[in-house]
Amino acid sequence: MSNIDKMNYEAKRIGEFLACSKGTLQNAVKKQGQLLKQKKPFKTIGQILIENGDISKDDWETAIRKQRIHRLRSCPVFASLSDTELSALSSRFSEVTVDIGEQFITQDMPEPTLYILASGKVEVYRTEMNGTRTHIAYVEPPEPIGEMGYFSGGVRTASVRALTTSTLLCAHYKDLTHYFEHVPRVAHEFMRIVEARRQATEEILKKP
């Protein structure tokens, strides 16, 4: 993805998809902070808003779906899909959060999952037989992660760790096969990214 595309990416917070006032959202965030300070069980902003009667459970689920569609639309692989197609695709993804320093993809291990970085920053690297770590790339939103594994039976060709607390969308390869193999707009962009990253990785590994 070009620097311009990255600059144009806007990571919208969940509040932007809710019909709540700014004050209501701020109160929910404040209450969430108080619960953390008091070492009480963690509650999401959605749980707090629902408990307070500010929104319904359906409102929250609709907001999550809209945010997920926005994130998928921002990813270059799926940017060409229509709203209807993105809505269907969004049901195949779930959301995960990884803490700073956490390695969520391990080189040479089977894990047939595609990730899309929604927020944060991660590092891709390889570990050689002698234990030497080779930096491959930094990845920022809204780029995909783990696309190379699609062509290696799900076995990872590199490791990935979070440099900041990061939010990712994830989906099993088998749930995306239709898009990668039968939707030309998606397949073309997917292959373009795979080939560009393959070439970049080979150039890095050639260096002494």
N, C-alpha and C. Protein backbone atom coordinates (compact mmCIF):
# COMPACT_ATOMS: atom_id res chain seq x y z
N MET A 1 0.84 -1.18 0.00
CA MET A 1 0.00 0.00 0.00
C MET A 1 0.88 1.23 0.00
N SER A 2 0.50 2.24 -0.78
CA SER A 2 1.31 3.45 -0.85
C SER A 2 1.16 4.29 0.40
N ASN A 3 2.12 5.21 0.61
CA ASN A 3 2.04 6.10 1.76
C ASN A 3 0.80 6.96 1.71
N ILE A 4 0.38 7.34 0.49
CA ILE A 4 -0.82 8.17 0.35
C ILE A 4 -2.04 7.40 0.84
N ASP A 5 -2.14 6.12 0.44
CA ASP A 5 -3.27 5.30 0.88
C ASP A 5 -3.31 5.19 2.39
N LYS A 6 -2.12 5.01 3.00
CA LYS A 6 -2.06 4.90 4.46
C LYS A 6 -2.50 6.20 5.11
N MET A 7 -2.08 7.32 4.53
CA MET A 7 -2.44 8.62 5.09
C MET A 7 -3.94 8.85 5.02
N ASN A 8 -4.58 8.29 3.97
CA ASN A 8 -6.01 8.49 3.80
C ASN A 8 -6.85 7.55 4.66
N TYR A 9 -6.23 6.55 5.24
CA TYR A 9 -6.96 5.60 6.07
C TYR A 9 -7.38 6.26 7.38
N GLU A 10 -8.63 6.10 7.72
CA GLU A 10 -9.16 6.66 8.95
C GLU A 10 -9.71 5.54 9.81
N ALA A 11 -9.07 5.29 10.95
CA ALA A 11 -9.52 4.25 11.86
C ALA A 11 -10.65 4.79 12.73
N LYS A 12 -11.87 4.55 12.31
CA LYS A 12 -13.02 5.09 13.03
C LYS A 12 -13.30 4.31 14.31
N ARG A 13 -13.54 5.03 15.39
CA ARG A 13 -13.90 4.41 16.65
C ARG A 13 -15.35 3.97 16.61
N ILE A 14 -15.67 3.01 17.49
CA ILE A 14 -17.02 2.44 17.50
C ILE A 14 -18.08 3.50 17.76
N GLY A 15 -17.73 4.54 18.52
CA GLY A 15 -18.70 5.59 18.82
C GLY A 15 -19.23 6.31 17.60
N GLU A 16 -18.43 6.32 16.52
CA GLU A 16 -18.85 6.99 15.30
C GLU A 16 -19.97 6.24 14.57
N PHE A 17 -20.22 5.02 15.00
CA PHE A 17 -21.27 4.22 14.38
C PHE A 17 -22.49 4.08 15.30
N LEU A 18 -22.45 4.78 16.44
CA LEU A 18 -23.55 4.72 17.40
C LEU A 18 -24.30 6.05 17.43
N ALA A 19 -25.62 5.96 17.60
CA ALA A 19 -26.44 7.16 17.68
C ALA A 19 -26.47 7.66 19.12
N CYS A 20 -25.29 7.99 19.65
CA CYS A 20 -25.16 8.49 21.02
C CYS A 20 -24.50 9.86 21.00
N SER A 21 -24.82 10.66 21.99
CA SER A 21 -24.17 11.97 22.08
C SER A 21 -22.73 11.78 22.53
N LYS A 22 -21.91 12.78 22.26
CA LYS A 22 -20.51 12.73 22.67
C LYS A 22 -20.40 12.62 24.19
N GLY A 23 -21.31 13.31 24.89
CA GLY A 23 -21.30 13.26 26.35
C GLY A 23 -21.60 11.88 26.88
N THR A 24 -22.56 11.19 26.25
CA THR A 24 -22.92 9.84 26.67
C THR A 24 -21.74 8.89 26.51
N LEU A 25 -21.06 9.01 25.40
CA LEU A 25 -19.89 8.16 25.15
C LEU A 25 -18.77 8.46 26.12
N GLN A 26 -18.56 9.74 26.41
CA GLN A 26 -17.51 10.13 27.34
C GLN A 26 -17.79 9.59 28.74
N ASN A 27 -19.07 9.60 29.14
CA ASN A 27 -19.44 9.06 30.45
C ASN A 27 -19.17 7.56 30.52
N ALA A 28 -19.44 6.86 29.41
CA ALA A 28 -19.19 5.42 29.37
C ALA A 28 -17.70 5.12 29.47
N VAL A 29 -16.89 5.91 28.78
CA VAL A 29 -15.44 5.73 28.83
C VAL A 29 -14.93 6.02 30.25
N LYS A 30 -15.48 7.05 30.87
CA LYS A 30 -15.08 7.41 32.23
C LYS A 30 -15.42 6.27 33.20
N LYS A 31 -16.61 5.71 33.05
CA LYS A 31 -17.02 4.61 33.92
C LYS A 31 -16.13 3.39 33.70
N GLN A 32 -15.76 3.14 32.45
CA GLN A 32 -14.87 2.02 32.15
C GLN A 32 -13.53 2.20 32.86
N GLY A 33 -13.02 3.43 32.84
CA GLY A 33 -11.77 3.73 33.53
C GLY A 33 -11.88 3.54 35.04
N GLN A 34 -13.01 3.92 35.60
CA GLN A 34 -13.22 3.76 37.04
C GLN A 34 -13.24 2.28 37.43
N LEU A 35 -13.87 1.46 36.59
CA LEU A 35 -13.92 0.03 36.87
C LEU A 35 -12.52 -0.59 36.86
N LEU A 36 -11.69 -0.11 35.92
CA LEU A 36 -10.32 -0.61 35.84
C LEU A 36 -9.53 -0.21 37.08
N LYS A 37 -9.69 1.03 37.51
CA LYS A 37 -8.98 1.51 38.70
C LYS A 37 -9.40 0.74 39.94
N GLN A 38 -10.68 0.38 39.98
CA GLN A 38 -11.21 -0.35 41.13
C GLN A 38 -10.94 -1.86 41.02
N LYS A 39 -10.26 -2.24 39.93
CA LYS A 39 -9.92 -3.64 39.67
C LYS A 39 -11.15 -4.54 39.62
N LYS A 40 -12.22 -3.98 39.07
CA LYS A 40 -13.43 -4.75 38.88
C LYS A 40 -13.41 -5.39 37.49
N PRO A 41 -14.27 -6.39 37.25
CA PRO A 41 -14.28 -7.06 35.94
C PRO A 41 -14.41 -6.07 34.79
N PHE A 42 -13.61 -6.29 33.74
CA PHE A 42 -13.62 -5.39 32.59
C PHE A 42 -14.96 -5.42 31.88
N LYS A 43 -15.41 -4.25 31.45
CA LYS A 43 -16.64 -4.15 30.66
C LYS A 43 -16.34 -3.31 29.42
N THR A 44 -16.87 -3.74 28.29
CA THR A 44 -16.69 -2.97 27.07
C THR A 44 -17.58 -1.72 27.13
N ILE A 45 -17.29 -0.78 26.25
CA ILE A 45 -18.13 0.42 26.17
C ILE A 45 -19.56 0.02 25.85
N GLY A 46 -19.70 -0.99 25.00
CA GLY A 46 -21.04 -1.45 24.63
C GLY A 46 -21.81 -1.98 25.83
N GLN A 47 -21.16 -2.78 26.66
CA GLN A 47 -21.82 -3.32 27.85
C GLN A 47 -22.29 -2.21 28.77
N ILE A 48 -21.45 -1.20 28.93
CA ILE A 48 -21.79 -0.08 29.81
C ILE A 48 -22.96 0.71 29.25
N LEU A 49 -22.94 0.98 27.95
CA LEU A 49 -24.03 1.74 27.33
C LEU A 49 -25.35 0.98 27.40
N ILE A 50 -25.29 -0.34 27.21
CA ILE A 50 -26.50 -1.17 27.28
C ILE A 50 -27.04 -1.19 28.71
N GLU A 51 -26.15 -1.37 29.69
CA GLU A 51 -26.57 -1.39 31.09
C GLU A 51 -27.19 -0.07 31.51
N ASN A 52 -26.68 1.02 30.96
CA ASN A 52 -27.20 2.34 31.30
C ASN A 52 -28.50 2.66 30.56
N GLY A 53 -28.88 1.81 29.62
CA GLY A 53 -30.09 2.05 28.84
C GLY A 53 -29.91 3.07 27.74
N ASP A 54 -28.65 3.36 27.38
CA ASP A 54 -28.37 4.36 26.34
C ASP A 54 -28.57 3.79 24.93
N ILE A 55 -28.34 2.49 24.79
CA ILE A 55 -28.53 1.81 23.51
C ILE A 55 -29.07 0.41 23.78
N SER A 56 -29.56 -0.22 22.72
CA SER A 56 -30.01 -1.61 22.85
C SER A 56 -28.89 -2.54 22.38
N LYS A 57 -29.05 -3.82 22.66
CA LYS A 57 -28.07 -4.80 22.20
C LYS A 57 -28.00 -4.81 20.67
N ASP A 58 -29.16 -4.64 20.03
CA ASP A 58 -29.20 -4.60 18.56
C ASP A 58 -28.44 -3.39 18.03
N ASP A 59 -28.56 -2.26 18.73
CA ASP A 59 -27.82 -1.05 18.33
C ASP A 59 -26.32 -1.31 18.34
N TRP A 60 -25.87 -1.98 19.40
CA TRP A 60 -24.44 -2.27 19.56
C TRP A 60 -23.95 -3.22 18.47
N GLU A 61 -24.71 -4.28 18.20
CA GLU A 61 -24.31 -5.25 17.19
C GLU A 61 -24.31 -4.62 15.79
N THR A 62 -25.24 -3.72 15.55
CA THR A 62 -25.28 -3.01 14.26
C THR A 62 -24.05 -2.12 14.10
N ALA A 63 -23.67 -1.43 15.18
CA ALA A 63 -22.50 -0.56 15.15
C ALA A 63 -21.23 -1.36 14.89
N ILE A 64 -21.11 -2.52 15.53
CA ILE A 64 -19.94 -3.38 15.33
C ILE A 64 -19.86 -3.83 13.87
N ARG A 65 -21.02 -4.21 13.31
CA ARG A 65 -21.05 -4.67 11.92
C ARG A 65 -20.65 -3.53 10.97
N LYS A 66 -21.14 -2.33 11.22
CA LYS A 66 -20.80 -1.18 10.37
C LYS A 66 -19.31 -0.85 10.47
N GLN A 67 -18.76 -0.92 11.67
CA GLN A 67 -17.33 -0.65 11.84
C GLN A 67 -16.50 -1.71 11.11
N ARG A 68 -16.93 -2.95 11.19
CA ARG A 68 -16.20 -4.03 10.54
C ARG A 68 -16.24 -3.87 9.02
N ILE A 69 -17.39 -3.48 8.49
CA ILE A 69 -17.52 -3.25 7.05
C ILE A 69 -16.60 -2.11 6.62
N HIS A 70 -16.54 -1.06 7.43
CA HIS A 70 -15.64 0.07 7.15
C HIS A 70 -14.18 -0.40 7.10
N ARG A 71 -13.81 -1.23 8.05
CA ARG A 71 -12.43 -1.73 8.10
C ARG A 71 -12.11 -2.61 6.91
N LEU A 72 -13.05 -3.46 6.50
CA LEU A 72 -12.84 -4.32 5.34
C LEU A 72 -12.76 -3.49 4.06
N ARG A 73 -13.60 -2.48 3.95
CA ARG A 73 -13.58 -1.61 2.78
C ARG A 73 -12.26 -0.87 2.67
N SER A 74 -11.64 -0.57 3.80
CA SER A 74 -10.37 0.15 3.81
C SER A 74 -9.20 -0.73 3.38
N CYS A 75 -9.34 -2.05 3.57
CA CYS A 75 -8.28 -2.98 3.20
C CYS A 75 -8.22 -3.08 1.67
N PRO A 76 -7.03 -2.90 1.07
CA PRO A 76 -6.93 -2.92 -0.40
C PRO A 76 -7.43 -4.20 -1.05
N VAL A 77 -7.35 -5.33 -0.34
CA VAL A 77 -7.80 -6.60 -0.92
C VAL A 77 -9.30 -6.58 -1.21
N PHE A 78 -10.08 -5.96 -0.32
CA PHE A 78 -11.53 -6.02 -0.43
C PHE A 78 -12.17 -4.68 -0.81
N ALA A 79 -11.37 -3.70 -1.13
CA ALA A 79 -11.87 -2.35 -1.39
C ALA A 79 -12.85 -2.27 -2.56
N SER A 80 -12.76 -3.21 -3.50
CA SER A 80 -13.60 -3.15 -4.70
C SER A 80 -14.98 -3.75 -4.49
N LEU A 81 -15.22 -4.38 -3.35
CA LEU A 81 -16.51 -5.03 -3.11
C LEU A 81 -17.61 -4.02 -2.82
N SER A 82 -18.82 -4.38 -3.16
CA SER A 82 -19.98 -3.52 -2.90
C SER A 82 -20.36 -3.60 -1.43
N ASP A 83 -21.23 -2.70 -1.00
CA ASP A 83 -21.69 -2.71 0.40
C ASP A 83 -22.35 -4.05 0.75
N THR A 84 -23.13 -4.58 -0.18
CA THR A 84 -23.81 -5.85 0.06
C THR A 84 -22.78 -6.98 0.20
N GLU A 85 -21.76 -6.98 -0.65
CA GLU A 85 -20.72 -8.01 -0.59
C GLU A 85 -19.91 -7.88 0.70
N LEU A 86 -19.61 -6.64 1.08
CA LEU A 86 -18.84 -6.41 2.31
C LEU A 86 -19.63 -6.83 3.54
N SER A 87 -20.93 -6.61 3.50
CA SER A 87 -21.78 -7.01 4.62
C SER A 87 -21.74 -8.53 4.80
N ALA A 88 -21.82 -9.25 3.68
CA ALA A 88 -21.76 -10.72 3.74
C ALA A 88 -20.38 -11.17 4.20
N LEU A 89 -19.34 -10.52 3.70
CA LEU A 89 -17.96 -10.87 4.06
C LEU A 89 -17.69 -10.62 5.53
N SER A 90 -18.28 -9.57 6.08
CA SER A 90 -18.00 -9.19 7.48
C SER A 90 -18.38 -10.29 8.46
N SER A 91 -19.37 -11.12 8.10
CA SER A 91 -19.81 -12.19 9.01
C SER A 91 -18.76 -13.29 9.12
N ARG A 92 -17.79 -13.31 8.22
CA ARG A 92 -16.76 -14.34 8.23
C ARG A 92 -15.55 -13.93 9.08
N PHE A 93 -15.53 -12.68 9.51
CA PHE A 93 -14.42 -12.17 10.30
C PHE A 93 -14.81 -11.99 11.76
N SER A 94 -13.85 -12.20 12.64
CA SER A 94 -14.00 -11.88 14.05
C SER A 94 -12.91 -10.88 14.40
N GLU A 95 -12.99 -10.30 15.58
CA GLU A 95 -12.03 -9.28 15.99
C GLU A 95 -11.21 -9.75 17.18
N VAL A 96 -9.92 -9.51 17.14
CA VAL A 96 -9.04 -9.87 18.25
C VAL A 96 -8.14 -8.67 18.58
N THR A 97 -7.71 -8.62 19.83
CA THR A 97 -6.76 -7.60 20.27
C THR A 97 -5.51 -8.29 20.78
N VAL A 98 -4.35 -7.82 20.35
CA VAL A 98 -3.08 -8.39 20.81
C VAL A 98 -2.30 -7.30 21.55
N ASP A 99 -1.70 -7.68 22.65
CA ASP A 99 -0.96 -6.73 23.48
C ASP A 99 0.41 -6.43 22.88
N ILE A 100 0.98 -5.31 23.27
CA ILE A 100 2.30 -4.91 22.82
C ILE A 100 3.32 -6.02 23.13
N GLY A 101 4.12 -6.38 22.14
CA GLY A 101 5.12 -7.42 22.31
C GLY A 101 4.62 -8.83 22.05
N GLU A 102 3.31 -9.01 21.91
CA GLU A 102 2.76 -10.35 21.73
C GLU A 102 3.00 -10.86 20.31
N GLN A 103 3.50 -12.08 20.19
CA GLN A 103 3.70 -12.73 18.90
C GLN A 103 2.44 -13.54 18.59
N PHE A 104 1.73 -13.17 17.53
CA PHE A 104 0.47 -13.86 17.24
C PHE A 104 0.55 -14.72 15.99
N ILE A 105 1.67 -14.66 15.27
CA ILE A 105 1.94 -15.57 14.17
C ILE A 105 3.35 -16.11 14.37
N THR A 106 3.51 -17.43 14.29
CA THR A 106 4.81 -18.06 14.53
C THR A 106 5.30 -18.78 13.28
N GLN A 107 6.48 -18.44 12.86
CA GLN A 107 7.11 -19.02 11.67
C GLN A 107 7.10 -20.55 11.73
N ASP A 108 6.77 -21.16 10.58
CA ASP A 108 6.77 -22.62 10.38
C ASP A 108 5.64 -23.35 11.09
N MET A 109 4.77 -22.63 11.74
CA MET A 109 3.63 -23.25 12.42
C MET A 109 2.38 -23.15 11.55
N PRO A 110 1.52 -24.18 11.56
CA PRO A 110 0.28 -24.13 10.78
C PRO A 110 -0.76 -23.25 11.47
N GLU A 111 -1.28 -22.30 10.74
CA GLU A 111 -2.32 -21.42 11.28
C GLU A 111 -2.98 -20.72 10.10
N PRO A 112 -3.98 -21.37 9.48
CA PRO A 112 -4.58 -20.89 8.23
C PRO A 112 -5.54 -19.72 8.41
N THR A 113 -4.99 -18.58 8.79
CA THR A 113 -5.82 -17.41 9.09
C THR A 113 -5.29 -16.18 8.38
N LEU A 114 -6.20 -15.39 7.82
CA LEU A 114 -5.84 -14.08 7.27
C LEU A 114 -6.22 -13.02 8.29
N TYR A 115 -5.31 -12.09 8.55
CA TYR A 115 -5.57 -10.98 9.45
C TYR A 115 -5.62 -9.67 8.66
N ILE A 116 -6.39 -8.75 9.16
CA ILE A 116 -6.37 -7.38 8.64
C ILE A 116 -6.13 -6.47 9.83
N LEU A 117 -5.08 -5.68 9.75
CA LEU A 117 -4.73 -4.80 10.86
C LEU A 117 -5.65 -3.58 10.87
N ALA A 118 -6.47 -3.46 11.91
CA ALA A 118 -7.41 -2.35 12.02
C ALA A 118 -6.80 -1.17 12.76
N SER A 119 -5.96 -1.44 13.75
CA SER A 119 -5.28 -0.37 14.47
C SER A 119 -4.01 -0.93 15.10
N GLY A 120 -3.01 -0.06 15.28
CA GLY A 120 -1.76 -0.49 15.86
C GLY A 120 -0.65 -0.61 14.83
N LYS A 121 0.39 -1.34 15.15
CA LYS A 121 1.53 -1.55 14.27
C LYS A 121 2.19 -2.87 14.63
N VAL A 122 2.59 -3.65 13.62
CA VAL A 122 3.21 -4.94 13.87
C VAL A 122 4.50 -5.08 13.06
N GLU A 123 5.33 -6.03 13.47
CA GLU A 123 6.58 -6.31 12.76
C GLU A 123 6.55 -7.75 12.24
N VAL A 124 6.96 -7.92 11.00
CA VAL A 124 7.11 -9.24 10.39
C VAL A 124 8.60 -9.57 10.37
N TYR A 125 8.97 -10.76 10.81
CA TYR A 125 10.39 -11.13 10.83
C TYR A 125 10.55 -12.64 10.69
N ARG A 126 11.74 -13.05 10.29
CA ARG A 126 12.09 -14.46 10.19
C ARG A 126 13.20 -14.79 11.17
N THR A 127 13.19 -16.01 11.67
CA THR A 127 14.25 -16.47 12.56
C THR A 127 15.02 -17.58 11.85
N GLU A 128 16.33 -17.38 11.71
CA GLU A 128 17.17 -18.36 11.01
C GLU A 128 17.53 -19.52 11.93
N MET A 129 18.15 -20.54 11.34
CA MET A 129 18.51 -21.74 12.10
C MET A 129 19.46 -21.43 13.26
N ASN A 130 20.30 -20.41 13.08
CA ASN A 130 21.26 -20.05 14.14
C ASN A 130 20.66 -19.10 15.17
N GLY A 131 19.36 -18.83 15.04
CA GLY A 131 18.69 -17.97 16.00
C GLY A 131 18.67 -16.50 15.64
N THR A 132 19.33 -16.14 14.53
CA THR A 132 19.37 -14.75 14.09
C THR A 132 17.99 -14.31 13.60
N ARG A 133 17.57 -13.14 14.03
CA ARG A 133 16.27 -12.61 13.61
C ARG A 133 16.47 -11.61 12.48
N THR A 134 15.74 -11.80 11.38
CA THR A 134 15.82 -10.90 10.23
C THR A 134 14.53 -10.12 10.08
N HIS A 135 14.62 -8.81 10.18
CA HIS A 135 13.44 -7.96 10.02
C HIS A 135 12.98 -7.99 8.57
N ILE A 136 11.69 -8.22 8.36
CA ILE A 136 11.12 -8.25 7.02
C ILE A 136 10.35 -6.98 6.70
N ALA A 137 9.45 -6.58 7.60
CA ALA A 137 8.63 -5.40 7.32
C ALA A 137 7.87 -4.96 8.56
N TYR A 138 7.50 -3.69 8.54
CA TYR A 138 6.54 -3.16 9.50
C TYR A 138 5.21 -3.07 8.76
N VAL A 139 4.13 -3.42 9.42
CA VAL A 139 2.81 -3.37 8.80
C VAL A 139 1.92 -2.43 9.61
N GLU A 140 1.21 -1.57 8.91
CA GLU A 140 0.31 -0.61 9.54
C GLU A 140 -1.09 -0.75 8.92
N PRO A 141 -2.11 -0.22 9.59
CA PRO A 141 -3.48 -0.32 9.06
C PRO A 141 -3.58 0.39 7.70
N PRO A 142 -4.45 -0.10 6.83
CA PRO A 142 -5.36 -1.24 6.99
C PRO A 142 -4.89 -2.46 6.19
N GLU A 143 -3.62 -2.78 6.30
CA GLU A 143 -3.03 -3.84 5.47
C GLU A 143 -3.37 -5.24 5.97
N PRO A 144 -3.38 -6.22 5.04
CA PRO A 144 -3.59 -7.63 5.43
C PRO A 144 -2.30 -8.22 5.98
N ILE A 145 -2.41 -9.26 6.78
CA ILE A 145 -1.26 -9.97 7.35
C ILE A 145 -1.53 -11.46 7.22
N GLY A 146 -0.51 -12.21 6.82
CA GLY A 146 -0.66 -13.66 6.74
C GLY A 146 -1.14 -14.17 5.40
N GLU A 147 -1.07 -13.32 4.38
CA GLU A 147 -1.56 -13.73 3.06
C GLU A 147 -0.69 -14.81 2.42
N MET A 148 0.61 -14.82 2.74
CA MET A 148 1.51 -15.80 2.13
C MET A 148 1.14 -17.23 2.51
N GLY A 149 0.59 -17.40 3.71
CA GLY A 149 0.24 -18.74 4.17
C GLY A 149 -0.86 -19.40 3.35
N TYR A 150 -1.60 -18.60 2.58
CA TYR A 150 -2.68 -19.15 1.77
C TYR A 150 -2.14 -20.14 0.73
N PHE A 151 -0.89 -19.92 0.31
CA PHE A 151 -0.29 -20.75 -0.72
C PHE A 151 0.70 -21.77 -0.16
N SER A 152 0.76 -21.87 1.17
CA SER A 152 1.69 -22.83 1.78
C SER A 152 0.96 -23.75 2.75
N GLY A 153 -0.30 -24.01 2.45
CA GLY A 153 -1.09 -24.91 3.29
C GLY A 153 -1.33 -24.39 4.69
N GLY A 154 -1.26 -23.07 4.84
CA GLY A 154 -1.50 -22.46 6.14
C GLY A 154 -0.27 -22.39 7.02
N VAL A 155 0.86 -22.94 6.55
CA VAL A 155 2.09 -22.90 7.34
C VAL A 155 2.73 -21.52 7.18
N ARG A 156 3.10 -20.92 8.30
CA ARG A 156 3.61 -19.55 8.29
C ARG A 156 5.05 -19.48 7.79
N THR A 157 5.30 -18.52 6.90
CA THR A 157 6.64 -18.32 6.37
C THR A 157 7.44 -17.33 7.20
N ALA A 158 6.80 -16.65 8.15
CA ALA A 158 7.48 -15.69 9.01
C ALA A 158 6.67 -15.52 10.29
N SER A 159 7.26 -14.85 11.26
CA SER A 159 6.57 -14.56 12.52
C SER A 159 6.11 -13.11 12.51
N VAL A 160 5.10 -12.81 13.32
CA VAL A 160 4.59 -11.44 13.42
C VAL A 160 4.33 -11.14 14.89
N ARG A 161 4.80 -9.95 15.33
CA ARG A 161 4.55 -9.53 16.71
C ARG A 161 4.03 -8.11 16.72
N ALA A 162 3.26 -7.80 17.75
CA ALA A 162 2.68 -6.47 17.88
C ALA A 162 3.69 -5.49 18.50
N LEU A 163 3.88 -4.35 17.85
CA LEU A 163 4.76 -3.32 18.39
C LEU A 163 3.98 -2.36 19.29
N THR A 164 2.68 -2.34 19.11
CA THR A 164 1.77 -1.60 19.99
C THR A 164 0.56 -2.49 20.22
N THR A 165 -0.26 -2.16 21.19
CA THR A 165 -1.52 -2.89 21.33
C THR A 165 -2.29 -2.72 20.02
N SER A 166 -2.67 -3.82 19.42
CA SER A 166 -3.23 -3.78 18.07
C SER A 166 -4.55 -4.54 17.98
N THR A 167 -5.43 -4.03 17.13
CA THR A 167 -6.71 -4.67 16.86
C THR A 167 -6.68 -5.25 15.45
N LEU A 168 -7.11 -6.49 15.32
CA LEU A 168 -7.09 -7.15 14.02
C LEU A 168 -8.42 -7.85 13.75
N LEU A 169 -8.78 -7.91 12.48
CA LEU A 169 -9.87 -8.76 12.04
C LEU A 169 -9.23 -10.05 11.55
N CYS A 170 -9.86 -11.19 11.80
CA CYS A 170 -9.27 -12.45 11.36
C CYS A 170 -10.36 -13.38 10.80
N ALA A 171 -9.96 -14.16 9.79
CA ALA A 171 -10.87 -15.11 9.17
C ALA A 171 -10.08 -16.31 8.67
N HIS A 172 -10.68 -17.48 8.73
CA HIS A 172 -10.04 -18.71 8.25
C HIS A 172 -9.96 -18.66 6.73
N TYR A 173 -8.86 -19.14 6.18
CA TYR A 173 -8.68 -19.14 4.73
C TYR A 173 -9.86 -19.79 4.00
N LYS A 174 -10.36 -20.89 4.55
CA LYS A 174 -11.42 -21.63 3.86
C LYS A 174 -12.68 -20.79 3.70
N ASP A 175 -12.87 -19.82 4.60
CA ASP A 175 -14.04 -18.95 4.50
C ASP A 175 -13.85 -17.82 3.50
N LEU A 176 -12.63 -17.71 2.95
CA LEU A 176 -12.33 -16.64 2.00
C LEU A 176 -12.01 -17.18 0.61
N THR A 177 -12.01 -18.51 0.46
CA THR A 177 -11.64 -19.13 -0.81
C THR A 177 -12.48 -18.60 -1.97
N HIS A 178 -13.77 -18.45 -1.75
CA HIS A 178 -14.65 -17.96 -2.82
C HIS A 178 -14.17 -16.62 -3.35
N TYR A 179 -13.78 -15.73 -2.47
CA TYR A 179 -13.36 -14.39 -2.88
C TYR A 179 -12.01 -14.42 -3.58
N PHE A 180 -11.08 -15.24 -3.07
CA PHE A 180 -9.73 -15.30 -3.64
C PHE A 180 -9.67 -16.02 -4.98
N GLU A 181 -10.62 -16.93 -5.21
CA GLU A 181 -10.55 -17.74 -6.41
C GLU A 181 -11.66 -17.48 -7.43
N HIS A 182 -12.74 -16.81 -7.00
CA HIS A 182 -13.87 -16.64 -7.92
C HIS A 182 -14.35 -15.20 -8.07
N VAL A 183 -13.73 -14.27 -7.35
CA VAL A 183 -14.09 -12.85 -7.50
C VAL A 183 -12.86 -12.15 -8.06
N PRO A 184 -12.81 -11.93 -9.38
CA PRO A 184 -11.62 -11.40 -10.03
C PRO A 184 -11.05 -10.13 -9.40
N ARG A 185 -11.91 -9.21 -8.99
CA ARG A 185 -11.43 -7.95 -8.40
C ARG A 185 -10.61 -8.20 -7.14
N VAL A 186 -11.10 -9.13 -6.32
CA VAL A 186 -10.39 -9.47 -5.08
C VAL A 186 -9.15 -10.31 -5.38
N ALA A 187 -9.31 -11.30 -6.24
CA ALA A 187 -8.20 -12.19 -6.57
C ALA A 187 -7.01 -11.42 -7.14
N HIS A 188 -7.29 -10.46 -8.02
CA HIS A 188 -6.20 -9.67 -8.64
C HIS A 188 -5.43 -8.89 -7.59
N GLU A 189 -6.14 -8.21 -6.71
CA GLU A 189 -5.46 -7.39 -5.70
C GLU A 189 -4.74 -8.27 -4.69
N PHE A 190 -5.35 -9.39 -4.35
CA PHE A 190 -4.71 -10.32 -3.41
C PHE A 190 -3.39 -10.83 -3.98
N MET A 191 -3.40 -11.24 -5.24
CA MET A 191 -2.18 -11.75 -5.88
C MET A 191 -1.14 -10.64 -6.03
N ARG A 192 -1.58 -9.42 -6.30
CA ARG A 192 -0.64 -8.31 -6.42
C ARG A 192 0.12 -8.09 -5.12
N ILE A 193 -0.61 -8.13 -4.00
CA ILE A 193 0.02 -7.94 -2.70
C ILE A 193 0.95 -9.11 -2.36
N VAL A 194 0.49 -10.33 -2.63
CA VAL A 194 1.31 -11.51 -2.36
C VAL A 194 2.63 -11.43 -3.14
N GLU A 195 2.55 -11.10 -4.42
CA GLU A 195 3.75 -11.05 -5.25
C GLU A 195 4.69 -9.93 -4.82
N ALA A 196 4.13 -8.76 -4.50
CA ALA A 196 4.96 -7.64 -4.06
C ALA A 196 5.69 -7.97 -2.77
N ARG A 197 5.01 -8.61 -1.84
CA ARG A 197 5.64 -8.96 -0.57
C ARG A 197 6.64 -10.09 -0.74
N ARG A 198 6.35 -11.02 -1.65
CA ARG A 198 7.29 -12.11 -1.90
C ARG A 198 8.60 -11.55 -2.44
N GLN A 199 8.50 -10.64 -3.39
CA GLN A 199 9.70 -10.05 -3.98
C GLN A 199 10.49 -9.24 -2.95
N ALA A 200 9.74 -8.47 -2.13
CA ALA A 200 10.41 -7.66 -1.11
C ALA A 200 11.13 -8.54 -0.10
N THR A 201 10.49 -9.64 0.28
CA THR A 201 11.10 -10.56 1.25
C THR A 201 12.35 -11.22 0.68
N GLU A 202 12.28 -11.62 -0.57
CA GLU A 202 13.44 -12.26 -1.22
C GLU A 202 14.62 -11.30 -1.29
N GLU A 203 14.35 -10.03 -1.57
CA GLU A 203 15.41 -9.04 -1.65
C GLU A 203 16.09 -8.86 -0.28
N ILE A 204 15.29 -8.85 0.77
CA ILE A 204 15.83 -8.69 2.12
C ILE A 204 16.68 -9.89 2.52
N LEU A 205 16.19 -11.09 2.21
CA LEU A 205 16.90 -12.31 2.59
C LEU A 205 18.17 -12.53 1.77
N LYS A 206 18.29 -11.88 0.62
CA LYS A 206 19.49 -11.99 -0.20
C LYS A 206 20.66 -11.19 0.37
N LYS A 207 20.30 -10.18 1.17
CA LYS A 207 21.35 -9.30 1.71
C LYS A 207 22.24 -10.07 2.69
N PRO A 208 23.55 -9.83 2.64
CA PRO A 208 24.46 -10.55 3.54
C PRO A 208 24.27 -10.14 4.99
